Amino acid sequence: MSITLIAVRNPQWQTVKTERLDSDGNVVNDEDGNPIMDIVNDDDGNPMRLIQCEAQWSHLGDDTQEWLPFAATSWDVEQHGRDLYNAIVAGDHGAIAEE
């Protein structure tokens, strides 16, 4: 199946976070009962970041489709996801908003 990007809008950086777990694998909550979220680091110790955006793709229908949320990452298992991430970072879809 061929997957072609039709359009993308609203790119914004987001730091990857995960719920903190105790030694038994249970979610650790703060004093208000909310899960404590920890930043996920890459192998070099740097925070992992992705780009949240809205996209339209050819394989989902015609060009009148709704905008769908998409998380573009450099580690996406699909080539079209990695290509979109690289294109956004290169500035092909405008400025990337900060978190």
C-alpha atoms as a PDB file:
ATOM      1  CA  MET A   1       0.000   0.000   0.000  1.00  0.00           C
ATOM      2  CA  SER A   2       1.300   3.439  -0.915  1.00  0.00           C
ATOM      3  CA  ILE A   3       1.050   6.068   1.813  1.00  0.00           C
ATOM      4  CA  THR A   4       1.337   9.692   0.746  1.00  0.00           C
ATOM      5  CA  LEU A   5       0.992  12.749   2.943  1.00  0.00           C
ATOM      6  CA  ILE A   6      -1.688  15.139   1.702  1.00  0.00           C
ATOM      7  CA  ALA A   7      -1.206  17.903   4.275  1.00  0.00           C
ATOM      8  CA  VAL A   8       0.107  18.580   7.781  1.00  0.00           C
ATOM      9  CA  ARG A   9      -0.544  21.408  10.223  1.00  0.00           C
ATOM     10  CA  ASN A  10       0.157  22.532  13.794  1.00  0.00           C
ATOM     11  CA  PRO A  11       3.485  20.777  14.493  1.00  0.00           C
ATOM     12  CA  GLN A  12       4.485  20.998  18.158  1.00  0.00           C
ATOM     13  CA  TRP A  13       7.336  19.467  20.143  1.00  0.00           C
ATOM     14  CA  GLN A  14       6.449  17.084  22.954  1.00  0.00           C
ATOM     15  CA  THR A  15       8.779  15.423  25.438  1.00  0.00           C
ATOM     16  CA  VAL A  16       8.113  11.694  25.836  1.00  0.00           C
ATOM     17  CA  LYS A  17       7.034  10.800  29.378  1.00  0.00           C
ATOM     18  CA  THR A  18       5.972   7.610  31.099  1.00  0.00           C
ATOM     19  CA  GLU A  19       4.246   6.822  34.359  1.00  0.00           C
ATOM     20  CA  ARG A  20       6.566   6.153  37.292  1.00  0.00           C
ATOM     21  CA  LEU A  21       6.263   2.579  38.584  1.00  0.00           C
ATOM     22  CA  ASP A  22       7.169   1.180  41.961  1.00  0.00           C
ATOM     23  CA  SER A  23       9.177  -2.034  42.415  1.00  0.00           C
ATOM     24  CA  ASP A  24       5.977  -4.095  42.038  1.00  0.00           C
ATOM     25  CA  GLY A  25       5.046  -2.443  38.734  1.00  0.00           C
ATOM     26  CA  ASN A  26       2.275  -0.271  40.188  1.00  0.00           C
ATOM     27  CA  VAL A  27       1.789   3.349  39.106  1.00  0.00           C
ATOM     28  CA  VAL A  28       3.121   5.858  41.643  1.00  0.00           C
ATOM     29  CA  ASN A  29       0.779   8.800  42.305  1.00  0.00           C
ATOM     30  CA  ASP A  30       1.461  12.224  43.773  1.00  0.00           C
ATOM     31  CA  GLU A  31      -0.342  13.529  46.867  1.00  0.00           C
ATOM     32  CA  ASP A  32      -3.331  14.576  44.708  1.00  0.00           C
ATOM     33  CA  GLY A  33      -3.694  11.067  43.271  1.00  0.00           C
ATOM     34  CA  ASN A  34      -2.264  11.941  39.830  1.00  0.00           C
ATOM     35  CA  PRO A  35       0.311   9.641  38.231  1.00  0.00           C
ATOM     36  CA  ILE A  36       3.878  10.913  38.490  1.00  0.00           C
ATOM     37  CA  MET A  37       5.267  11.254  34.967  1.00  0.00           C
ATOM     38  CA  ASP A  38       8.994  10.787  34.272  1.00  0.00           C
ATOM     39  CA  ILE A  39      10.823  12.001  31.163  1.00  0.00           C
ATOM     40  CA  VAL A  40      12.070   9.185  28.916  1.00  0.00           C
ATOM     41  CA  ASN A  41      15.725   9.511  27.906  1.00  0.00           C
ATOM     42  CA  ASP A  42      17.487   8.046  24.881  1.00  0.00           C
ATOM     43  CA  ASP A  43      20.607   5.871  25.121  1.00  0.00           C
ATOM     44  CA  ASP A  44      22.773   9.005  25.449  1.00  0.00           C
ATOM     45  CA  GLY A  45      20.711  10.366  28.360  1.00  0.00           C
ATOM     46  CA  ASN A  46      18.935  13.059  26.327  1.00  0.00           C
ATOM     47  CA  PRO A  47      15.160  13.571  26.673  1.00  0.00           C
ATOM     48  CA  MET A  48      13.292  11.893  23.815  1.00  0.00           C
ATOM     49  CA  ARG A  49      11.067  14.293  21.857  1.00  0.00           C
ATOM     50  CA  LEU A  50       8.441  13.772  19.216  1.00  0.00           C
ATOM     51  CA  ILE A  51       6.358  16.121  17.120  1.00  0.00           C
ATOM     52  CA  GLN A  52       2.591  16.159  17.581  1.00  0.00           C
ATOM     53  CA  CYS A  53       0.738  17.393  14.512  1.00  0.00           C
ATOM     54  CA  GLU A  54      -2.435  16.938  12.511  1.00  0.00           C
ATOM     55  CA  ALA A  55      -2.153  15.150   9.179  1.00  0.00           C
ATOM     56  CA  GLN A  56      -4.120  13.912   6.221  1.00  0.00           C
ATOM     57  CA  TRP A  57      -2.903  10.750   4.447  1.00  0.00           C
ATOM     58  CA  SER A  58      -3.814   9.349   1.022  1.00  0.00           C
ATOM     59  CA  HIS A  59      -4.487   5.811   2.267  1.00  0.00           C
ATOM     60  CA  LEU A  60      -7.281   7.031   4.566  1.00  0.00           C
ATOM     61  CA  GLY A  61      -9.543   8.436   1.842  1.00  0.00           C
ATOM     62  CA  ASP A  62      -9.814  11.420  -0.461  1.00  0.00           C
ATOM     63  CA  ASP A  63      -8.398  14.865   0.259  1.00  0.00           C
ATOM     64  CA  THR A  64     -11.595  15.973   2.026  1.00  0.00           C
ATOM     65  CA  GLN A  65     -10.917  13.758   5.037  1.00  0.00           C
ATOM     66  CA  GLU A  66     -10.771  15.049   8.598  1.00  0.00           C
ATOM     67  CA  TRP A  67      -7.497  16.114  10.169  1.00  0.00           C
ATOM     68  CA  LEU A  68      -6.149  13.292  12.338  1.00  0.00           C
ATOM     69  CA  PRO A  69      -3.618  13.561  15.177  1.00  0.00           C
ATOM     70  CA  PHE A  70      -0.211  12.114  14.341  1.00  0.00           C
ATOM     71  CA  ALA A  71       2.907  11.703  16.472  1.00  0.00           C
ATOM     72  CA  ALA A  72       5.925  12.029  14.177  1.00  0.00           C
ATOM     73  CA  THR A  73       9.094  10.392  15.526  1.00  0.00           C
ATOM     74  CA  SER A  74      12.574   9.669  14.281  1.00  0.00           C
ATOM     75  CA  TRP A  75      12.147   6.071  15.558  1.00  0.00           C
ATOM     76  CA  ASP A  76       8.801   5.318  13.860  1.00  0.00           C
ATOM     77  CA  VAL A  77       8.641   1.742  12.561  1.00  0.00           C
ATOM     78  CA  GLU A  78       6.990   3.033   9.363  1.00  0.00           C
ATOM     79  CA  GLN A  79       9.054   4.925   6.783  1.00  0.00           C
ATOM     80  CA  HIS A  80       6.332   7.516   6.147  1.00  0.00           C
ATOM     81  CA  GLY A  81       6.386   8.467   9.839  1.00  0.00           C
ATOM     82  CA  ARG A  82      10.166   8.928   9.851  1.00  0.00           C
ATOM     83  CA  ASP A  83       9.947  10.886   6.576  1.00  0.00           C
ATOM     84  CA  LEU A  84       7.316  13.219   8.032  1.00  0.00           C
ATOM     85  CA  TYR A  85       9.401  13.782  11.186  1.00  0.00           C
ATOM     86  CA  ASN A  86      12.465  14.660   9.083  1.00  0.00           C
ATOM     87  CA  ALA A  87      10.444  16.970   6.808  1.00  0.00           C
ATOM     88  CA  ILE A  88       8.970  18.842   9.777  1.00  0.00           C
ATOM     89  CA  VAL A  89      12.393  19.203  11.432  1.00  0.00           C
ATOM     90  CA  ALA A  90      13.754  20.516   8.102  1.00  0.00           C
ATOM     91  CA  GLY A  91      11.078  23.227   8.133  1.00  0.00           C
ATOM     92  CA  ASP A  92       9.011  21.886   5.236  1.00  0.00           C
ATOM     93  CA  HIS A  93       5.768  22.384   7.195  1.00  0.00           C
ATOM     94  CA  GLY A  94       6.470  25.644   9.004  1.00  0.00           C
ATOM     95  CA  ALA A  95       7.814  26.376  12.445  1.00  0.00           C
ATOM     96  CA  ILE A  96       7.525  23.798  15.216  1.00  0.00           C
ATOM     97  CA  ALA A  97       5.843  25.209  18.307  1.00  0.00           C
ATOM     98  CA  GLU A  98       7.453  24.556  21.661  1.00  0.00           C
ATOM     99  CA  GLU A  99       5.652  22.488  24.293  1.00  0.00           C
END
